[in-house]
Amino acid sequence: MVEPHFLLSLYSNIHSSDKCFAVQAAVKLLDKGIDPEGCKELIQIPTRD
């Protein structure tokens, strides 16, 4: 089993994940100890304040 943080780090090396809201949301959820699978944060485009 591969850890999600490791997979996200590979993705960030290949794509512009610093601009991908889904990757950013997944990292934040994982940092909080939340499994991001199926979370609405991964599909909702964040609003700008």
C-alpha atoms as a PDB file:
ATOM      1  CA  MET A   1       0.000   0.000   0.000  1.00  0.00           C
ATOM      2  CA  VAL A   2       1.365   3.394  -0.960  1.00  0.00           C
ATOM      3  CA  GLU A   3       0.805   6.296   1.414  1.00  0.00           C
ATOM      4  CA  PRO A   4      -1.377   9.112  -0.011  1.00  0.00           C
ATOM      5  CA  HIS A   5       1.168  11.816   0.854  1.00  0.00           C
ATOM      6  CA  PHE A   6       3.763   9.961  -1.223  1.00  0.00           C
ATOM      7  CA  LEU A   7       1.416   9.720  -4.214  1.00  0.00           C
ATOM      8  CA  LEU A   8       0.587  13.412  -3.971  1.00  0.00           C
ATOM      9  CA  SER A   9       4.290  14.258  -3.886  1.00  0.00           C
ATOM     10  CA  LEU A  10       4.797  12.355  -7.154  1.00  0.00           C
ATOM     11  CA  TYR A  11       1.870  14.176  -8.729  1.00  0.00           C
ATOM     12  CA  SER A  12       3.292  17.531  -7.699  1.00  0.00           C
ATOM     13  CA  ASN A  13       6.591  16.716  -9.396  1.00  0.00           C
ATOM     14  CA  ILE A  14       4.837  16.007 -12.699  1.00  0.00           C
ATOM     15  CA  HIS A  15       1.974  18.508 -12.775  1.00  0.00           C
ATOM     16  CA  SER A  16       1.393  22.030 -11.509  1.00  0.00           C
ATOM     17  CA  SER A  17      -0.301  20.778  -8.355  1.00  0.00           C
ATOM     18  CA  ASP A  18       0.443  24.065  -6.620  1.00  0.00           C
ATOM     19  CA  LYS A  19      -2.365  25.386  -8.847  1.00  0.00           C
ATOM     20  CA  CYS A  20      -4.611  22.316  -8.518  1.00  0.00           C
ATOM     21  CA  PHE A  21      -7.223  22.955  -5.848  1.00  0.00           C
ATOM     22  CA  ALA A  22      -8.016  19.240  -5.527  1.00  0.00           C
ATOM     23  CA  VAL A  23      -4.408  18.345  -4.714  1.00  0.00           C
ATOM     24  CA  GLN A  24      -4.165  21.247  -2.267  1.00  0.00           C
ATOM     25  CA  ALA A  25      -7.407  20.148  -0.596  1.00  0.00           C
ATOM     26  CA  ALA A  26      -6.238  16.533  -0.385  1.00  0.00           C
ATOM     27  CA  VAL A  27      -2.966  17.560   1.251  1.00  0.00           C
ATOM     28  CA  LYS A  28      -4.804  19.734   3.802  1.00  0.00           C
ATOM     29  CA  LEU A  29      -7.233  16.927   4.634  1.00  0.00           C
ATOM     30  CA  LEU A  30      -4.418  14.406   5.037  1.00  0.00           C
ATOM     31  CA  ASP A  31      -2.541  16.838   7.288  1.00  0.00           C
ATOM     32  CA  LYS A  32      -5.658  16.915   9.499  1.00  0.00           C
ATOM     33  CA  GLY A  33      -5.790  13.111   9.534  1.00  0.00           C
ATOM     34  CA  ILE A  34      -8.846  12.964   7.261  1.00  0.00           C
ATOM     35  CA  ASP A  35      -9.065  10.473   4.393  1.00  0.00           C
ATOM     36  CA  PRO A  36      -9.747  12.663   1.328  1.00  0.00           C
ATOM     37  CA  GLU A  37     -11.468   9.929  -0.676  1.00  0.00           C
ATOM     38  CA  GLY A  38     -14.988  11.061  -1.510  1.00  0.00           C
ATOM     39  CA  CYS A  39     -14.645  14.463   0.186  1.00  0.00           C
ATOM     40  CA  LYS A  40     -16.567  17.321  -1.426  1.00  0.00           C
ATOM     41  CA  GLU A  41     -13.527  19.602  -1.059  1.00  0.00           C
ATOM     42  CA  LEU A  42     -11.883  17.738  -3.936  1.00  0.00           C
ATOM     43  CA  ILE A  43     -14.568  18.719  -6.436  1.00  0.00           C
ATOM     44  CA  GLN A  44     -15.635  22.172  -5.262  1.00  0.00           C
ATOM     45  CA  ILE A  45     -13.706  25.005  -6.866  1.00  0.00           C
ATOM     46  CA  PRO A  46     -12.746  27.368  -4.042  1.00  0.00           C
ATOM     47  CA  THR A  47     -14.065  30.906  -4.174  1.00  0.00           C
ATOM     48  CA  ARG A  48     -11.728  33.857  -4.077  1.00  0.00           C
ATOM     49  CA  ASP A  49     -12.173  36.334  -1.277  1.00  0.00           C
END
